Amino acid sequence: MPVVDSSVMVAAVKRNEASHLASRVWLSAMRDRGQVITAPVLLLPEVGGAVARATGRRQAARRLTDGLRTSAAVEILPITGVLADRAAAIAIDHGIRGSDAIFVALAEARGEALITLDREQLDRGRAVVAVYRPEEAPIG
């Protein structure tokens, strides 16, 4: 169950994003094969906020985050103290923003790859876990 960064989910929703199609194709392929993706609970405010800011459609953003929370294809996990401590160490040691380090730390804790479009996670997160862009990411 790969860990998916908010950047992939936002790109899948926003048609004007450069990686919109690649994100949608990868997420759809995962769903079609019955594969579950994982993300920290931080995904919800990051995706909801980005979509609401970009579109001005707050209700649609709420429906999206509600759908992510209840989807059988997405496992939303809490940010525990242990995870936060590890994310802090990753942020410090690898120069990754704190919220982005949460995703890297979760992928490490679960022994899974991180799927992202975020440049820092792609460049610096590879020192910790396997990191892929959606168009490179394995399915299943």
Protein backbone atom coordinates (compact mmCIF):
# COMPACT_ATOMS: atom_id res chain seq x y z
CA MET A 1 0.00 0.00 0.00
CA PRO A 2 2.04 2.98 -1.21
CA VAL A 3 1.88 6.28 0.61
CA VAL A 4 0.47 9.02 -1.60
CA ASP A 5 1.37 12.66 -1.14
CA SER A 6 -1.25 15.40 -1.34
CA SER A 7 0.38 16.74 -4.52
CA VAL A 8 -0.77 13.67 -6.46
CA MET A 9 -4.34 13.91 -5.18
CA VAL A 10 -4.54 17.64 -5.95
CA ALA A 11 -3.13 17.12 -9.45
CA ALA A 12 -5.68 14.39 -10.08
CA VAL A 13 -8.50 16.82 -9.30
CA LYS A 14 -7.17 20.01 -10.91
CA ARG A 15 -7.28 19.69 -14.68
CA ASN A 16 -4.79 22.53 -15.22
CA GLU A 17 -2.02 20.74 -13.29
CA ALA A 18 0.87 19.50 -15.45
CA SER A 19 0.65 15.99 -13.96
CA HIS A 20 -3.15 15.82 -13.95
CA LEU A 21 -3.42 12.97 -16.44
CA ALA A 22 -0.54 10.91 -15.00
CA SER A 23 -1.99 11.25 -11.49
CA ARG A 24 -5.49 10.27 -12.58
CA VAL A 25 -4.24 7.32 -14.62
CA TRP A 26 -2.13 5.96 -11.76
CA LEU A 27 -4.84 6.44 -9.12
CA SER A 28 -7.46 4.86 -11.41
CA ALA A 29 -5.19 1.89 -12.15
CA MET A 30 -4.62 1.35 -8.43
CA ARG A 31 -8.36 1.48 -7.75
CA ASP A 32 -9.21 -0.78 -10.70
CA ARG A 33 -6.77 -3.41 -9.40
CA GLY A 34 -8.22 -3.20 -5.89
CA GLN A 35 -5.04 -1.67 -4.48
CA VAL A 36 -5.37 0.53 -1.41
CA ILE A 37 -3.31 3.69 -1.05
CA THR A 38 -2.23 5.13 2.27
CA ALA A 39 -1.82 8.68 3.54
CA PRO A 40 -1.55 10.49 6.85
CA VAL A 41 -4.61 12.39 8.03
CA LEU A 42 -2.73 15.53 6.95
CA LEU A 43 -3.84 14.67 3.41
CA LEU A 44 -7.37 15.87 4.16
CA PRO A 45 -6.66 19.55 4.98
CA GLU A 46 -3.92 19.76 2.35
CA VAL A 47 -6.14 18.48 -0.46
CA GLY A 48 -9.30 20.22 0.73
CA GLY A 49 -7.55 23.55 1.18
CA ALA A 50 -5.73 23.39 -2.17
CA VAL A 51 -8.91 22.52 -4.07
CA ALA A 52 -11.01 25.17 -2.31
CA ARG A 53 -8.38 27.87 -2.92
CA ALA A 54 -7.94 26.96 -6.57
CA THR A 55 -11.62 26.60 -7.45
CA GLY A 56 -13.49 28.65 -4.87
CA ARG A 57 -15.82 25.65 -4.51
CA ARG A 58 -15.77 24.96 -0.78
CA GLN A 59 -18.62 22.46 -0.82
CA ALA A 60 -16.94 20.44 -3.57
CA ALA A 61 -13.71 20.46 -1.55
CA ARG A 62 -15.62 19.22 1.51
CA ARG A 63 -17.22 16.42 -0.52
CA LEU A 64 -13.78 15.47 -1.82
CA THR A 65 -12.24 15.24 1.65
CA ASP A 66 -15.28 13.35 2.97
CA GLY A 67 -14.94 10.95 0.06
CA LEU A 68 -11.24 10.41 0.76
CA ARG A 69 -11.93 9.75 4.43
CA THR A 70 -14.61 7.15 3.70
CA SER A 71 -13.15 5.52 0.59
CA ALA A 72 -12.27 1.84 0.79
CA ALA A 73 -9.42 2.61 -1.63
CA VAL A 74 -7.71 5.07 0.73
CA GLU A 75 -6.44 4.28 4.21
CA ILE A 76 -6.09 7.48 6.25
CA LEU A 77 -3.73 7.06 9.19
CA PRO A 78 -3.22 9.20 12.30
CA ILE A 79 -0.05 11.16 12.98
CA THR A 80 1.26 9.60 16.15
CA GLY A 81 3.93 11.02 18.40
CA VAL A 82 6.37 8.40 17.15
CA LEU A 83 5.63 9.32 13.52
CA ALA A 84 5.95 13.03 14.29
CA ASP A 85 9.31 12.47 16.01
CA ARG A 86 10.64 10.53 13.02
CA ALA A 87 9.31 13.17 10.62
CA ALA A 88 11.10 15.85 12.63
CA ALA A 89 14.36 13.91 12.33
CA ILE A 90 13.83 13.49 8.58
CA ALA A 91 13.04 17.19 8.18
CA ILE A 92 16.18 18.15 10.09
CA ASP A 93 18.52 15.60 8.54
CA HIS A 94 17.35 15.91 4.93
CA GLY A 95 16.07 19.49 4.65
CA ILE A 96 12.49 18.50 3.90
CA ARG A 97 9.57 20.72 4.96
CA GLY A 98 7.84 19.43 8.08
CA SER A 99 4.50 18.49 6.53
CA ASP A 100 6.26 16.77 3.62
CA ALA A 101 8.46 14.86 6.07
CA ILE A 102 5.29 13.35 7.59
CA PHE A 103 4.58 11.57 4.29
CA VAL A 104 8.20 10.36 4.02
CA ALA A 105 8.17 9.12 7.62
CA LEU A 106 4.89 7.27 7.07
CA ALA A 107 6.27 5.55 3.96
CA GLU A 108 9.37 4.56 5.91
CA ALA A 109 7.37 3.26 8.88
CA ARG A 110 5.20 1.14 6.58
CA GLY A 111 8.08 -0.03 4.40
CA GLU A 112 6.35 1.36 1.33
CA ALA A 113 7.13 3.70 -1.52
CA LEU A 114 6.06 7.34 -1.56
CA ILE A 115 4.22 8.58 -4.65
CA THR A 116 4.58 12.34 -5.05
CA LEU A 117 4.99 15.31 -7.35
CA ASP A 118 6.75 17.38 -4.69
CA ARG A 119 10.30 18.29 -5.74
CA GLU A 120 11.81 18.11 -2.22
CA GLN A 121 10.26 14.73 -1.54
CA LEU A 122 11.46 13.47 -4.93
CA ASP A 123 15.00 14.79 -4.53
CA ARG A 124 15.62 14.44 -0.81
CA GLY A 125 13.12 11.79 0.26
CA ARG A 126 14.99 9.17 -1.79
CA ALA A 127 17.63 9.13 0.93
CA VAL A 128 14.98 7.57 3.19
CA VAL A 129 12.47 5.64 1.03
CA ALA A 130 11.71 4.71 -2.57
CA VAL A 131 10.04 7.73 -4.16
CA TYR A 132 8.22 7.82 -7.50
CA ARG A 133 6.27 10.24 -9.65
CA PRO A 134 2.86 8.79 -10.62
CA GLU A 135 3.98 8.01 -14.18
CA GLU A 136 6.91 5.93 -12.81
CA ALA A 137 5.11 4.31 -9.90
CA PRO A 138 4.49 0.60 -9.74
CA ILE A 139 0.89 -0.58 -9.67
CA GLY A 140 0.08 -3.47 -7.43
